[in-house]
Amino acid sequence: MSFFTWKDKGLTSDCVSLEAMASRFEETANLMKKLSKKGFKLKKYKENQLIIHSDPDIFDEWGFISEERPFKQLSLIPEDESKLNF
């Protein structure tokens, strides 16, 4: 399962007004809604919030980099390279 960790480290720390803060929250909310509509889910793991998707192609379409362990990512590569569409 492809995933990345959501870390909120000052989403609005660079904002200089309440209007700027509101805009930032709205932008973030719109992004989260779009992700949800595309099948992304939130998974709590220990102290982290992971944004996950079961389809690695959709995950890649959004430009995200999976934090899966390398051996899990490599297991997605077919043994028979003739199956690759280059």
PDB file of N, CA and C in Angstrom:
ATOM      1  N   MET A   1       0.846  -1.180   0.000  1.00  0.00           N
ATOM      2  CA  MET A   1       0.000   0.000   0.000  1.00  0.00           C
ATOM      3  C   MET A   1       0.888   1.238   0.000  1.00  0.00           C
ATOM      4  N   SER A   2       0.678   2.114  -0.945  1.00  0.00           N
ATOM      5  CA  SER A   2       1.441   3.352  -1.023  1.00  0.00           C
ATOM      6  C   SER A   2       0.963   4.322   0.047  1.00  0.00           C
ATOM      7  N   PHE A   3       1.907   5.047   0.645  1.00  0.00           N
ATOM      8  CA  PHE A   3       1.524   6.019   1.666  1.00  0.00           C
ATOM      9  C   PHE A   3       2.598   7.081   1.838  1.00  0.00           C
ATOM     10  N   PHE A   4       2.188   8.202   2.422  1.00  0.00           N
ATOM     11  CA  PHE A   4       3.130   9.193   2.920  1.00  0.00           C
ATOM     12  C   PHE A   4       2.594   9.719   4.238  1.00  0.00           C
ATOM     13  N   THR A   5       3.482  10.258   5.060  1.00  0.00           N
ATOM     14  CA  THR A   5       3.110  10.736   6.382  1.00  0.00           C
ATOM     15  C   THR A   5       2.721  12.204   6.312  1.00  0.00           C
ATOM     16  N   TRP A   6       1.552  12.526   6.864  1.00  0.00           N
ATOM     17  CA  TRP A   6       1.089  13.913   6.926  1.00  0.00           C
ATOM     18  C   TRP A   6       1.638  14.520   8.194  1.00  0.00           C
ATOM     19  N   LYS A   7       2.447  15.545   8.049  1.00  0.00           N
ATOM     20  CA  LYS A   7       3.007  16.244   9.205  1.00  0.00           C
ATOM     21  C   LYS A   7       2.646  17.712   9.081  1.00  0.00           C
ATOM     22  N   ASP A   8       1.898  18.199  10.041  1.00  0.00           N
ATOM     23  CA  ASP A   8       1.530  19.610  10.046  1.00  0.00           C
ATOM     24  C   ASP A   8       2.504  20.347  10.948  1.00  0.00           C
ATOM     25  N   LYS A   9       3.450  20.995  10.333  1.00  0.00           N
ATOM     26  CA  LYS A   9       4.442  21.755  11.086  1.00  0.00           C
ATOM     27  C   LYS A   9       4.289  23.229  10.740  1.00  0.00           C
ATOM     28  N   GLY A  10       3.204  23.795  11.179  1.00  0.00           N
ATOM     29  CA  GLY A  10       3.016  25.221  10.940  1.00  0.00           C
ATOM     30  C   GLY A  10       2.374  25.532   9.609  1.00  0.00           C
ATOM     31  N   LEU A  11       1.239  24.936   9.358  1.00  0.00           N
ATOM     32  CA  LEU A  11       0.520  25.151   8.104  1.00  0.00           C
ATOM     33  C   LEU A  11       0.353  26.640   7.812  1.00  0.00           C
ATOM     34  N   THR A  12       0.177  27.425   8.842  1.00  0.00           N
ATOM     35  CA  THR A  12      -0.060  28.857   8.651  1.00  0.00           C
ATOM     36  C   THR A  12       1.046  29.718   9.264  1.00  0.00           C
ATOM     37  N   SER A  13       2.172  29.135   9.572  1.00  0.00           N
ATOM     38  CA  SER A  13       3.222  29.894  10.262  1.00  0.00           C
ATOM     39  C   SER A  13       3.764  31.064   9.441  1.00  0.00           C
ATOM     40  N   ASP A  14       3.628  31.016   8.116  1.00  0.00           N
ATOM     41  CA  ASP A  14       4.133  32.114   7.289  1.00  0.00           C
ATOM     42  C   ASP A  14       3.046  33.125   6.915  1.00  0.00           C
ATOM     43  N   CYS A  15       1.827  32.935   7.411  1.00  0.00           N
ATOM     44  CA  CYS A  15       0.731  33.850   7.093  1.00  0.00           C
ATOM     45  C   CYS A  15       0.851  35.133   7.920  1.00  0.00           C
ATOM     46  N   VAL A  16       0.495  36.259   7.282  1.00  0.00           N
ATOM     47  CA  VAL A  16       0.613  37.553   7.964  1.00  0.00           C
ATOM     48  C   VAL A  16      -0.743  38.156   8.335  1.00  0.00           C
ATOM     49  N   SER A  17      -1.832  37.460   7.994  1.00  0.00           N
ATOM     50  CA  SER A  17      -3.161  37.979   8.341  1.00  0.00           C
ATOM     51  C   SER A  17      -4.118  36.822   8.559  1.00  0.00           C
ATOM     52  N   LEU A  18      -5.242  37.133   9.192  1.00  0.00           N
ATOM     53  CA  LEU A  18      -6.280  36.118   9.385  1.00  0.00           C
ATOM     54  C   LEU A  18      -6.836  35.668   8.040  1.00  0.00           C
ATOM     55  N   GLU A  19      -6.945  36.584   7.090  1.00  0.00           N
ATOM     56  CA  GLU A  19      -7.439  36.243   5.753  1.00  0.00           C
ATOM     57  C   GLU A  19      -6.495  35.236   5.081  1.00  0.00           C
ATOM     58  N   ALA A  20      -5.206  35.458   5.215  1.00  0.00           N
ATOM     59  CA  ALA A  20      -4.222  34.534   4.644  1.00  0.00           C
ATOM     60  C   ALA A  20      -4.330  33.163   5.316  1.00  0.00           C
ATOM     61  N   MET A  21      -4.533  33.158   6.635  1.00  0.00           N
ATOM     62  CA  MET A  21      -4.697  31.887   7.346  1.00  0.00           C
ATOM     63  C   MET A  21      -5.942  31.162   6.852  1.00  0.00           C
ATOM     64  N   ALA A  22      -7.037  31.892   6.700  1.00  0.00           N
ATOM     65  CA  ALA A  22      -8.287  31.284   6.230  1.00  0.00           C
ATOM     66  C   ALA A  22      -8.104  30.698   4.835  1.00  0.00           C
ATOM     67  N   SER A  23      -7.420  31.426   3.969  1.00  0.00           N
ATOM     68  CA  SER A  23      -7.178  30.925   2.607  1.00  0.00           C
ATOM     69  C   SER A  23      -6.366  29.646   2.631  1.00  0.00           C
ATOM     70  N   ARG A  24      -5.349  29.607   3.478  1.00  0.00           N
ATOM     71  CA  ARG A  24      -4.498  28.414   3.573  1.00  0.00           C
ATOM     72  C   ARG A  24      -5.318  27.213   4.041  1.00  0.00           C
ATOM     73  N   PHE A  25      -6.176  27.423   5.052  1.00  0.00           N
ATOM     74  CA  PHE A  25      -7.024  26.327   5.528  1.00  0.00           C
ATOM     75  C   PHE A  25      -7.986  25.863   4.441  1.00  0.00           C
ATOM     76  N   GLU A  26      -8.545  26.810   3.683  1.00  0.00           N
ATOM     77  CA  GLU A  26      -9.469  26.449   2.611  1.00  0.00           C
ATOM     78  C   GLU A  26      -8.754  25.663   1.512  1.00  0.00           C
ATOM     79  N   GLU A  27      -7.551  26.097   1.131  1.00  0.00           N
ATOM     80  CA  GLU A  27      -6.769  25.378   0.126  1.00  0.00           C
ATOM     81  C   GLU A  27      -6.492  23.953   0.574  1.00  0.00           C
ATOM     82  N   THR A  28      -6.103  23.823   1.828  1.00  0.00           N
ATOM     83  CA  THR A  28      -5.783  22.503   2.370  1.00  0.00           C
ATOM     84  C   THR A  28      -7.031  21.633   2.437  1.00  0.00           C
ATOM     85  N   ALA A  29      -8.142  22.211   2.853  1.00  0.00           N
ATOM     86  CA  ALA A  29      -9.398  21.456   2.920  1.00  0.00           C
ATOM     87  C   ALA A  29      -9.818  20.981   1.532  1.00  0.00           C
ATOM     88  N   ASN A  30      -9.674  21.846   0.534  1.00  0.00           N
ATOM     89  CA  ASN A  30     -10.032  21.455  -0.844  1.00  0.00           C
ATOM     90  C   ASN A  30      -9.154  20.307  -1.330  1.00  0.00           C
ATOM     91  N   LEU A  31      -7.862  20.371  -1.029  1.00  0.00           N
ATOM     92  CA  LEU A  31      -6.965  19.286  -1.412  1.00  0.00           C
ATOM     93  C   LEU A  31      -7.377  17.981  -0.735  1.00  0.00           C
ATOM     94  N   MET A  32      -7.666  18.017   0.554  1.00  0.00           N
ATOM     95  CA  MET A  32      -8.059  16.812   1.282  1.00  0.00           C
ATOM     96  C   MET A  32      -9.349  16.224   0.710  1.00  0.00           C
ATOM     97  N   LYS A  33     -10.291  17.080   0.323  1.00  0.00           N
ATOM     98  CA  LYS A  33     -11.539  16.603  -0.283  1.00  0.00           C
ATOM     99  C   LYS A  33     -11.277  15.928  -1.626  1.00  0.00           C
ATOM    100  N   LYS A  34     -10.376  16.517  -2.443  1.00  0.00           N
ATOM    101  CA  LYS A  34     -10.039  15.914  -3.737  1.00  0.00           C
ATOM    102  C   LYS A  34      -9.366  14.557  -3.535  1.00  0.00           C
ATOM    103  N   LEU A  35      -8.455  14.484  -2.573  1.00  0.00           N
ATOM    104  CA  LEU A  35      -7.787  13.215  -2.286  1.00  0.00           C
ATOM    105  C   LEU A  35      -8.807  12.158  -1.871  1.00  0.00           C
ATOM    106  N   SER A  36      -9.738  12.545  -1.017  1.00  0.00           N
ATOM    107  CA  SER A  36     -10.763  11.621  -0.552  1.00  0.00           C
ATOM    108  C   SER A  36     -11.614  11.107  -1.713  1.00  0.00           C
ATOM    109  N   LYS A  37     -11.985  11.995  -2.620  1.00  0.00           N
ATOM    110  CA  LYS A  37     -12.801  11.588  -3.775  1.00  0.00           C
ATOM    111  C   LYS A  37     -12.056  10.633  -4.690  1.00  0.00           C
ATOM    112  N   LYS A  38     -10.722  10.711  -4.711  1.00  0.00           N
ATOM    113  CA  LYS A  38      -9.908   9.822  -5.544  1.00  0.00           C
ATOM    114  C   LYS A  38      -9.558   8.512  -4.839  1.00  0.00           C
ATOM    115  N   GLY A  39     -10.093   8.321  -3.633  1.00  0.00           N
ATOM    116  CA  GLY A  39      -9.903   7.051  -2.944  1.00  0.00           C
ATOM    117  C   GLY A  39      -8.789   7.022  -1.910  1.00  0.00           C
ATOM    118  N   PHE A  40      -8.153   8.163  -1.647  1.00  0.00           N
ATOM    119  CA  PHE A  40      -7.143   8.207  -0.599  1.00  0.00           C
ATOM    120  C   PHE A  40      -7.834   8.104   0.760  1.00  0.00           C
ATOM    121  N   LYS A  41      -7.148   7.509   1.709  1.00  0.00           N
ATOM    122  CA  LYS A  41      -7.678   7.324   3.059  1.00  0.00           C
ATOM    123  C   LYS A  41      -6.647   7.813   4.072  1.00  0.00           C
ATOM    124  N   LEU A  42      -7.118   8.118   5.268  1.00  0.00           N
ATOM    125  CA  LEU A  42      -6.244   8.482   6.374  1.00  0.00           C
ATOM    126  C   LEU A  42      -6.137   7.294   7.308  1.00  0.00           C
ATOM    127  N   LYS A  43      -4.912   6.926   7.644  1.00  0.00           N
ATOM    128  CA  LYS A  43      -4.679   5.818   8.556  1.00  0.00           C
ATOM    129  C   LYS A  43      -3.799   6.313   9.697  1.00  0.00           C
ATOM    130  N   LYS A  44      -4.265   6.118  10.915  1.00  0.00           N
ATOM    131  CA  LYS A  44      -3.471   6.472  12.093  1.00  0.00           C
ATOM    132  C   LYS A  44      -2.551   5.304  12.403  1.00  0.00           C
ATOM    133  N   TYR A  45      -1.260   5.591  12.546  1.00  0.00           N
ATOM    134  CA  TYR A  45      -0.280   4.573  12.889  1.00  0.00           C
ATOM    135  C   TYR A  45       0.635   5.160  13.955  1.00  0.00           C
ATOM    136  N   LYS A  46       0.509   4.609  15.153  1.00  0.00           N
ATOM    137  CA  LYS A  46       1.244   5.135  16.308  1.00  0.00           C
ATOM    138  C   LYS A  46       0.916   6.615  16.455  1.00  0.00           C
ATOM    139  N   GLU A  47       1.901   7.483  16.354  1.00  0.00           N
ATOM    140  CA  GLU A  47       1.672   8.927  16.505  1.00  0.00           C
ATOM    141  C   GLU A  47       1.545   9.644  15.161  1.00  0.00           C
ATOM    142  N   ASN A  48       1.489   8.880  14.072  1.00  0.00           N
ATOM    143  CA  ASN A  48       1.500   9.475  12.741  1.00  0.00           C
ATOM    144  C   ASN A  48       0.154   9.369  12.040  1.00  0.00           C
ATOM    145  N   GLN A  49      -0.062  10.261  11.101  1.00  0.00           N
ATOM    146  CA  GLN A  49      -1.209  10.206  10.207  1.00  0.00           C
ATOM    147  C   GLN A  49      -0.668   9.888   8.824  1.00  0.00           C
ATOM    148  N   LEU A  50      -1.053   8.743   8.300  1.00  0.00           N
ATOM    149  CA  LEU A  50      -0.592   8.318   6.982  1.00  0.00           C
ATOM    150  C   LEU A  50      -1.710   8.519   5.969  1.00  0.00           C
ATOM    151  N   ILE A  51      -1.377   9.103   4.843  1.00  0.00           N
ATOM    152  CA  ILE A  51      -2.330   9.211   3.746  1.00  0.00           C
ATOM    153  C   ILE A  51      -1.996   8.070   2.800  1.00  0.00           C
ATOM    154  N   ILE A  52      -2.970   7.175   2.611  1.00  0.00           N
ATOM    155  CA  ILE A  52      -2.722   5.927   1.896  1.00  0.00           C
ATOM    156  C   ILE A  52      -3.631   5.791   0.668  1.00  0.00           C
ATOM    157  N   HIS A  53      -3.189   4.962  -0.248  1.00  0.00           N
ATOM    158  CA  HIS A  53      -4.025   4.586  -1.389  1.00  0.00           C
ATOM    159  C   HIS A  53      -3.635   3.168  -1.794  1.00  0.00           C
ATOM    160  N   SER A  54      -4.614   2.350  -2.095  1.00  0.00           N
ATOM    161  CA  SER A  54      -4.352   0.956  -2.442  1.00  0.00           C
ATOM    162  C   SER A  54      -3.846   0.787  -3.876  1.00  0.00           C
ATOM    163  N   ASP A  55      -4.025   1.800  -4.720  1.00  0.00           N
ATOM    164  CA  ASP A  55      -3.595   1.726  -6.115  1.00  0.00           C
ATOM    165  C   ASP A  55      -2.344   2.588  -6.305  1.00  0.00           C
ATOM    166  N   PRO A  56      -1.168   1.968  -6.461  1.00  0.00           N
ATOM    167  CA  PRO A  56       0.061   2.751  -6.599  1.00  0.00           C
ATOM    168  C   PRO A  56       0.069   3.651  -7.832  1.00  0.00           C
ATOM    169  N   ASP A  57      -0.689   3.298  -8.881  1.00  0.00           N
ATOM    170  CA  ASP A  57      -0.738   4.148 -10.078  1.00  0.00           C
ATOM    171  C   ASP A  57      -1.416   5.485  -9.777  1.00  0.00           C
ATOM    172  N   ILE A  58      -2.519   5.438  -9.046  1.00  0.00           N
ATOM    173  CA  ILE A  58      -3.202   6.685  -8.674  1.00  0.00           C
ATOM    174  C   ILE A  58      -2.312   7.498  -7.743  1.00  0.00           C
ATOM    175  N   PHE A  59      -1.651   6.823  -6.814  1.00  0.00           N
ATOM    176  CA  PHE A  59      -0.719   7.487  -5.901  1.00  0.00           C
ATOM    177  C   PHE A  59       0.343   8.231  -6.707  1.00  0.00           C
ATOM    178  N   ASP A  60       0.906   7.560  -7.710  1.00  0.00           N
ATOM    179  CA  ASP A  60       1.952   8.158  -8.553  1.00  0.00           C
ATOM    180  C   ASP A  60       1.413   9.314  -9.398  1.00  0.00           C
ATOM    181  N   GLU A  61       0.178   9.189  -9.880  1.00  0.00           N
ATOM    182  CA  GLU A  61      -0.425  10.249 -10.695  1.00  0.00           C
ATOM    183  C   GLU A  61      -0.423  11.590  -9.966  1.00  0.00           C
ATOM    184  N   TRP A  62      -0.562  11.543  -8.658  1.00  0.00           N
ATOM    185  CA  TRP A  62      -0.590  12.756  -7.852  1.00  0.00           C
ATOM    186  C   TRP A  62       0.819  13.267  -7.554  1.00  0.00           C
ATOM    187  N   GLY A  63       1.828  12.512  -7.935  1.00  0.00           N
ATOM    188  CA  GLY A  63       3.208  12.950  -7.727  1.00  0.00           C
ATOM    189  C   GLY A  63       3.756  12.674  -6.345  1.00  0.00           C
ATOM    190  N   PHE A  64       3.049  11.846  -5.580  1.00  0.00           N
ATOM    191  CA  PHE A  64       3.516  11.523  -4.242  1.00  0.00           C
ATOM    192  C   PHE A  64       4.622  10.475  -4.314  1.00  0.00           C
ATOM    193  N   ILE A  65       5.504  10.493  -3.349  1.00  0.00           N
ATOM    194  CA  ILE A  65       6.566   9.496  -3.242  1.00  0.00           C
ATOM    195  C   ILE A  65       6.222   8.596  -2.067  1.00  0.00           C
ATOM    196  N   SER A  66       6.078   7.313  -2.347  1.00  0.00           N
ATOM    197  CA  SER A  66       5.679   6.365  -1.315  1.00  0.00           C
ATOM    198  C   SER A  66       6.790   6.176  -0.287  1.00  0.00           C
ATOM    199  N   GLU A  67       6.400   6.072   0.952  1.00  0.00           N
ATOM    200  CA  GLU A  67       7.336   5.814   2.037  1.00  0.00           C
ATOM    201  C   GLU A  67       7.405   4.320   2.376  1.00  0.00           C
ATOM    202  N   GLU A  68       6.828   3.485   1.501  1.00  0.00           N
ATOM    203  CA  GLU A  68       6.925   2.040   1.714  1.00  0.00           C
ATOM    204  C   GLU A  68       8.389   1.634   1.747  1.00  0.00           C
ATOM    205  N   ARG A  69       8.676   0.569   2.462  1.00  0.00           N
ATOM    206  CA  ARG A  69      10.036   0.050   2.483  1.00  0.00           C
ATOM    207  C   ARG A  69      10.432  -0.371   1.078  1.00  0.00           C
ATOM    208  N   PRO A  70      11.712  -0.203   0.724  1.00  0.00           N
ATOM    209  CA  PRO A  70      12.141  -0.513  -0.651  1.00  0.00           C
ATOM    210  C   PRO A  70      11.786  -1.921  -1.110  1.00  0.00           C
ATOM    211  N   PHE A  71      11.894  -2.920  -0.217  1.00  0.00           N
ATOM    212  CA  PHE A  71      11.578  -4.281  -0.672  1.00  0.00           C
ATOM    213  C   PHE A  71      10.112  -4.416  -1.016  1.00  0.00           C
ATOM    214  N   LYS A  72       9.235  -3.629  -0.373  1.00  0.00           N
ATOM    215  CA  LYS A  72       7.813  -3.660  -0.721  1.00  0.00           C
ATOM    216  C   LYS A  72       7.597  -3.002  -2.083  1.00  0.00           C
ATOM    217  N   GLN A  73       8.321  -1.909  -2.353  1.00  0.00           N
ATOM    218  CA  GLN A  73       8.196  -1.253  -3.646  1.00  0.00           C
ATOM    219  C   GLN A  73       8.752  -2.143  -4.745  1.00  0.00           C
ATOM    220  N   LEU A  74       9.870  -2.794  -4.484  1.00  0.00           N
ATOM    221  CA  LEU A  74      10.480  -3.652  -5.493  1.00  0.00           C
ATOM    222  C   LEU A  74       9.617  -4.868  -5.817  1.00  0.00           C
ATOM    223  N   SER A  75       8.792  -5.275  -4.886  1.00  0.00           N
ATOM    224  CA  SER A  75       7.936  -6.435  -5.143  1.00  0.00           C
ATOM    225  C   SER A  75       6.894  -6.124  -6.219  1.00  0.00           C
ATOM    226  N   LEU A  76       6.727  -4.857  -6.531  1.00  0.00           N
ATOM    227  CA  LEU A  76       5.775  -4.471  -7.571  1.00  0.00           C
ATOM    228  C   LEU A  76       6.382  -4.581  -8.967  1.00  0.00           C
ATOM    229  N   ILE A  77       7.707  -4.742  -9.055  1.00  0.00           N
ATOM    230  CA  ILE A  77       8.384  -4.855 -10.341  1.00  0.00           C
ATOM    231  C   ILE A  77       8.311  -6.307 -10.803  1.00  0.00           C
ATOM    232  N   PRO A  78       7.778  -6.547 -12.011  1.00  0.00           N
ATOM    233  CA  PRO A  78       7.648  -7.930 -12.481  1.00  0.00           C
ATOM    234  C   PRO A  78       9.013  -8.578 -12.712  1.00  0.00           C
ATOM    235  N   GLU A  79       9.089  -9.865 -12.420  1.00  0.00           N
ATOM    236  CA  GLU A  79      10.326 -10.623 -12.654  1.00  0.00           C
ATOM    237  C   GLU A  79      10.644 -10.677 -14.141  1.00  0.00           C
ATOM    238  N   ASP A  80       9.607 -10.829 -14.957  1.00  0.00           N
ATOM    239  CA  ASP A  80       9.767 -10.918 -16.403  1.00  0.00           C
ATOM    240  C   ASP A  80       9.673  -9.517 -16.990  1.00  0.00           C
ATOM    241  N   GLU A  81      10.824  -8.966 -17.379  1.00  0.00           N
ATOM    242  CA  GLU A  81      10.852  -7.586 -17.865  1.00  0.00           C
ATOM    243  C   GLU A  81      10.115  -7.419 -19.190  1.00  0.00           C
ATOM    244  N   SER A  82       9.797  -8.501 -19.872  1.00  0.00           N
ATOM    245  CA  SER A  82       9.047  -8.386 -21.123  1.00  0.00           C
ATOM    246  C   SER A  82       7.620  -7.883 -20.857  1.00  0.00           C
ATOM    247  N   LYS A  83       7.182  -7.945 -19.592  1.00  0.00           N
ATOM    248  CA  LYS A  83       5.853  -7.461 -19.241  1.00  0.00           C
ATOM    249  C   LYS A  83       5.823  -5.953 -19.075  1.00  0.00           C
ATOM    250  N   LEU A  84       7.001  -5.328 -19.043  1.00  0.00           N
ATOM    251  CA  LEU A  84       7.073  -3.882 -18.903  1.00  0.00           C
ATOM    252  C   LEU A  84       6.738  -3.225 -20.233  1.00  0.00           C
ATOM    253  N   ASN A  85       6.010  -2.127 -20.183  1.00  0.00           N
ATOM    254  CA  ASN A  85       5.604  -1.422 -21.400  1.00  0.00           C
ATOM    255  C   ASN A  85       6.463  -0.181 -21.585  1.00  0.00           C
ATOM    256  N   PHE A  86       7.644  -0.346 -22.186  1.00  0.00           N
ATOM    257  CA  PHE A  86       8.502   0.815 -22.429  1.00  0.00           C
ATOM    258  C   PHE A  86       8.280   1.335 -23.818  1.00  0.00           C
TER     259      PHE A  86
END
